[in-house]
Amino acid sequence: NVYECYATAIGARSQSGRTYLEKHLDEFAESSKDDLIMHALRALVGCVGGDGELTKENGSVAFVGKGENFTMIEGDELKPYLDRLELEGGNNAGADEEEKEGDDEDEDAMET
């Protein structure tokens, strides 16, 4: 079977990655390749189990496009993107944002 997908995540603990991708789907069409790589990394941050952190040793991003060959970014090539992610608010930035949104919902529920 072939499915048309703009973004997806598979595997253990992939639900938070899919949630991130669905939430930001409208931004992808106008994003540069570097921005898309950053979106992929932000989605992966939520998929790292426990107190783990996304690193060049346990992370990789691959892309392919019209007129472009399949390319895998990992190891030292991934480091500049991870550094940028850290500058944006740390390796858990996406998870913290979702946690805060959930906290707001809890407060609203307590008020009613």
Foldseek 3Di string as FASTA:
>chain_A
DDDDDPDAFDDQQQPQLRVLCVVCVVVPVVDDPLVVVLSNQLSVLSSDDDPDFDDLVPDKDWDADVVGDIDIQGHPSCVVSQVVVCVVPHRCVSVVVVVVVVVVVVVVVVVD
